[in-house]
Protein backbone atom coordinates (compact mmCIF):
# COMPACT_ATOMS: atom_id res chain seq x y z
CA UNK A 1 108.89 116.22 66.24
CA UNK A 2 108.92 117.80 63.11
CA UNK A 3 110.62 116.64 59.77
CA UNK A 4 111.70 118.81 57.00
CA UNK A 5 110.88 118.34 53.61
CA UNK A 6 114.32 118.05 52.40
CA UNK A 7 115.21 115.38 54.81
CA UNK A 8 112.68 113.50 53.47
CA UNK A 9 112.03 114.05 50.10
CA UNK A 10 109.90 110.81 49.76
CA UNK A 11 106.66 111.48 51.59
CA UNK A 12 104.45 113.11 50.19
CA UNK A 13 104.18 116.88 51.55
CA UNK A 14 100.86 118.75 51.06
CA UNK A 15 101.68 121.61 48.46
CA UNK A 16 102.92 124.87 49.60
CA UNK A 17 104.16 122.75 52.45
CA UNK A 18 107.94 121.87 53.52
CA UNK A 19 107.16 120.85 57.70
CA UNK A 20 105.39 118.73 59.27
CA UNK A 21 105.55 118.63 63.00
CA UNK A 22 103.71 116.25 65.13
CA UNK A 23 102.71 117.30 68.80
CA UNK A 24 100.95 115.45 71.57
CA UNK A 25 99.24 115.93 75.13
CA UNK A 26 100.94 113.75 77.21
CA UNK A 27 98.19 112.84 79.22
CA UNK A 28 96.60 109.60 78.99
CA UNK A 29 93.46 109.82 77.17
CA UNK A 30 90.26 107.68 77.69
CA UNK A 31 89.56 105.62 74.30
CA UNK A 32 93.00 105.23 73.21
CA UNK A 33 94.52 105.31 76.36
CA UNK A 34 97.63 107.10 75.46
CA UNK A 35 99.27 110.26 74.14
CA UNK A 36 96.83 112.27 72.27
CA UNK A 37 98.91 113.21 68.67
CA UNK A 38 98.53 115.96 66.10
CA UNK A 39 99.25 116.91 62.85
CA UNK A 40 100.53 119.88 61.52
CA UNK A 41 101.80 120.69 57.83
CA UNK A 42 103.67 124.12 57.35
CA UNK A 43 105.39 126.49 54.84
CA UNK A 44 108.63 126.98 57.41
CA UNK A 45 109.03 131.03 55.07
CA UNK A 46 105.76 131.51 57.01
CA UNK A 47 107.61 131.12 60.52
CA UNK A 48 108.82 134.34 62.11
CA UNK A 49 109.30 133.48 65.51
CA UNK A 50 110.27 130.56 67.19
CA UNK A 51 109.22 130.42 71.04
CA UNK A 52 110.74 128.15 73.31
CA UNK A 53 109.25 125.07 74.33
CA UNK A 54 106.73 125.07 77.22
CA UNK A 55 108.12 122.84 80.10
CA UNK A 56 106.05 119.66 80.52
CA UNK A 57 102.81 119.66 82.40
CA UNK A 58 103.97 118.69 86.16
CA UNK A 59 101.47 115.76 86.19
CA UNK A 60 101.45 114.45 83.31
CA UNK A 61 103.21 110.64 83.07
CA UNK A 62 107.27 111.06 82.96
CA UNK A 63 106.84 107.64 80.21
CA UNK A 64 105.17 110.15 77.27
CA UNK A 65 107.37 112.70 77.21
CA UNK A 66 110.09 111.93 75.18
CA UNK A 67 113.52 113.21 75.80
CA UNK A 68 115.14 115.65 73.52
CA UNK A 69 116.98 114.12 70.37
CA UNK A 70 117.97 114.73 66.28
CA UNK A 71 116.30 112.74 63.97
CA UNK A 72 118.85 111.29 61.42
CA UNK A 73 116.32 109.78 58.80
CA UNK A 74 117.14 106.68 56.56
CA UNK A 75 114.60 105.19 53.87
CA UNK A 76 114.97 101.44 54.22
CA UNK A 77 112.84 99.12 52.69
CA UNK A 78 110.56 97.07 54.08
CA UNK A 79 107.88 94.69 53.85
CA UNK A 80 104.35 93.84 55.68
CA UNK A 81 104.24 91.06 58.65
CA UNK A 82 101.00 91.61 59.77
CA UNK A 83 99.49 93.59 57.05
CA UNK A 84 100.34 90.57 55.12
CA UNK A 85 97.53 88.93 52.65
CA UNK A 86 96.62 85.22 53.93
CA UNK A 87 97.37 84.13 50.57
CA UNK A 88 100.61 84.89 50.21
CA UNK A 89 101.82 84.35 53.81
CA UNK A 90 100.45 80.65 52.53
CA UNK A 91 102.39 80.77 49.15
CA UNK A 92 105.63 81.89 50.95
CA UNK A 93 105.46 79.68 54.04
CA UNK A 94 107.69 77.03 53.46
CA UNK A 95 110.31 79.27 51.66
CA UNK A 96 110.40 81.45 54.97
CA UNK A 97 110.85 78.56 56.68
CA UNK A 98 113.46 76.88 55.59
CA UNK A 99 115.00 80.32 55.06
CA UNK A 100 114.87 80.65 59.01
CA UNK A 101 116.43 77.06 59.42
CA UNK A 102 119.28 77.29 56.75
CA UNK A 103 119.82 80.85 57.45
CA UNK A 104 118.68 81.69 60.27
CA UNK A 105 116.84 84.76 59.25
CA UNK A 106 113.20 85.46 60.66
CA UNK A 107 111.17 86.93 58.44
CA UNK A 108 108.83 88.73 61.00
CA UNK A 109 111.85 90.03 63.27
CA UNK A 110 114.71 90.48 60.35
CA UNK A 111 113.07 90.77 56.96
CA UNK A 112 109.85 92.59 57.14
CA UNK A 113 108.01 95.85 59.13
CA UNK A 114 111.24 97.88 60.54
CA UNK A 115 110.55 98.52 64.12
CA UNK A 116 110.94 101.43 65.78
CA UNK A 117 109.65 105.19 65.00
CA UNK A 118 108.75 105.69 61.43
CA UNK A 119 107.49 107.83 58.30
CA UNK A 120 105.58 105.72 56.32
CA UNK A 121 105.74 102.25 55.10
CA UNK A 122 103.49 99.67 57.58
CA UNK A 123 102.77 100.27 60.80
CA UNK A 124 104.34 98.80 63.48
CA UNK A 125 101.60 96.85 65.32
CA UNK A 126 102.31 94.94 68.05
CA UNK A 127 98.91 93.61 67.99
CA UNK A 128 96.33 92.88 65.36
CA UNK A 129 96.05 95.76 62.12
CA UNK A 130 93.23 98.25 62.93
CA UNK A 131 93.41 100.62 60.16
CA UNK A 132 90.71 103.78 60.45
CA UNK A 133 88.68 104.68 57.90
CA UNK A 134 87.85 108.97 57.10
CA UNK A 135 85.18 109.53 58.11
CA UNK A 136 84.73 112.03 55.37
CA UNK A 137 85.09 110.14 51.83
CA UNK A 138 85.48 106.47 54.53
CA UNK A 139 88.35 105.33 52.78
CA UNK A 140 91.02 103.32 54.76
CA UNK A 141 93.58 106.17 55.96
CA UNK A 142 97.49 106.06 55.04
CA UNK A 143 100.02 105.27 57.53
CA UNK A 144 102.07 108.65 57.85
CA UNK A 145 104.17 107.83 61.15
CA UNK A 146 104.60 105.30 64.01
CA UNK A 147 106.16 105.76 67.40
CA UNK A 148 107.13 103.01 69.57
CA UNK A 149 108.84 102.21 72.95
CA UNK A 150 111.76 100.55 71.44
CA UNK A 151 113.61 101.21 68.34
CA UNK A 152 114.31 97.07 68.66
CA UNK A 153 114.23 94.28 70.79
CA UNK A 154 116.16 90.85 71.38
CA UNK A 155 116.12 89.32 67.72
CA UNK A 156 115.05 91.90 64.92
CA UNK A 157 118.35 94.33 66.60
CA UNK A 158 120.31 91.89 64.15
CA UNK A 159 119.13 93.65 61.57
CA UNK A 160 117.48 97.27 62.46
CA UNK A 161 120.37 98.43 64.73
CA UNK A 162 122.60 101.04 63.12
CA UNK A 163 125.92 100.03 62.55
CA UNK A 164 127.16 102.87 64.20
CA UNK A 165 125.76 102.19 67.48
CA UNK A 166 126.58 98.15 67.11
CA UNK A 167 129.61 96.29 69.22
CA UNK A 168 132.47 94.22 68.17
CA UNK A 169 130.57 91.47 70.02
CA UNK A 170 127.09 90.56 68.05
CA UNK A 171 126.68 87.87 70.27
CA UNK A 172 125.11 87.11 73.24
CA UNK A 173 127.05 89.73 75.28
CA UNK A 174 126.80 92.14 72.52
CA UNK A 175 123.42 91.67 71.99
CA UNK A 176 123.08 93.18 76.45
CA UNK A 177 125.90 95.90 75.64
CA UNK A 178 123.25 97.08 73.18
CA UNK A 179 120.27 96.53 75.27
CA UNK A 180 121.70 98.59 77.96
CA UNK A 181 122.61 101.52 75.81
CA UNK A 182 119.87 104.49 74.93
CA UNK A 183 119.98 103.34 71.57
CA UNK A 184 117.10 100.97 72.24
CA UNK A 185 114.78 104.18 73.55
CA UNK A 186 116.44 107.20 72.31
CA UNK A 187 113.15 108.99 73.86
CA UNK A 188 113.20 107.63 77.01
CA UNK A 189 109.18 106.25 76.46
CA UNK A 190 107.50 103.70 77.32
CA UNK A 191 104.11 103.92 75.92
CA UNK A 192 101.80 101.42 77.61
CA UNK A 193 103.69 97.90 78.00
CA UNK A 194 106.08 98.53 74.88
CA UNK A 195 103.63 99.37 72.58
CA UNK A 196 103.27 102.20 69.72
CA UNK A 197 101.14 105.12 68.48
CA UNK A 198 100.10 104.92 64.96
CA UNK A 199 99.38 108.17 63.47
CA UNK A 200 97.35 107.81 59.94
CA UNK A 201 95.89 110.85 57.30
CA UNK A 202 93.34 110.72 54.47
CA UNK A 203 95.57 111.79 51.36
CA UNK A 204 92.35 112.03 49.04
CA UNK A 205 90.82 114.69 51.35
CA UNK A 206 92.13 118.41 50.60
CA UNK A 207 91.80 119.21 54.88
CA UNK A 208 93.99 115.58 54.90
CA UNK A 209 92.13 114.82 58.41
CA UNK A 210 94.19 112.43 60.58
CA UNK A 211 92.96 109.80 63.13
CA UNK A 212 94.94 107.56 65.62
CA UNK A 213 95.49 104.28 66.89
CA UNK A 214 97.34 102.62 70.22
CA UNK A 215 98.55 98.78 70.78
CA UNK A 216 100.56 97.70 73.21
CA UNK A 217 101.46 94.07 74.60
């Protein structure tokens, strides 16, 4: 994946860089049992020759090789779910249950973390949060990127599926039409059992070291 600064101005690029490139080795790596990512911040003015994309390795798992697709960044507001502090969760519990009973909106699926592939915000954890610490300064790293198997599921699509990808029928048949399309997984990847890779970086250290985590259901 590559993102230009002009397309995501809110993302804190390092000074002198205007291009973010994320690459990964598609083979399953022992430890997290997922592809191994690498992050590169670059100055696009220094790129003089663009090489052709190499062919995927013959024995690489097909489910780890994304289909080519175009990214259309959209800024949205989200709130933590799995990272929500317990005291806030307890304070809001009654109000959120009432909201779901009266309006049908679930905080988990419709109002908190955005599912799918995203820059910044909160990691789209499938399991409990597992934030990495920087090996240099020992501070908690910042979430940079979530690469997820699915863009939405049977509940979250009601909020997070783009309007232009929706069918006119919003009921059960409409949901089946959405799911049968490539929109729920535009990259065509399956990471574990519909899991995700979460990429982090330390913005306090000059080298901006990165780390990653993986989980699945």
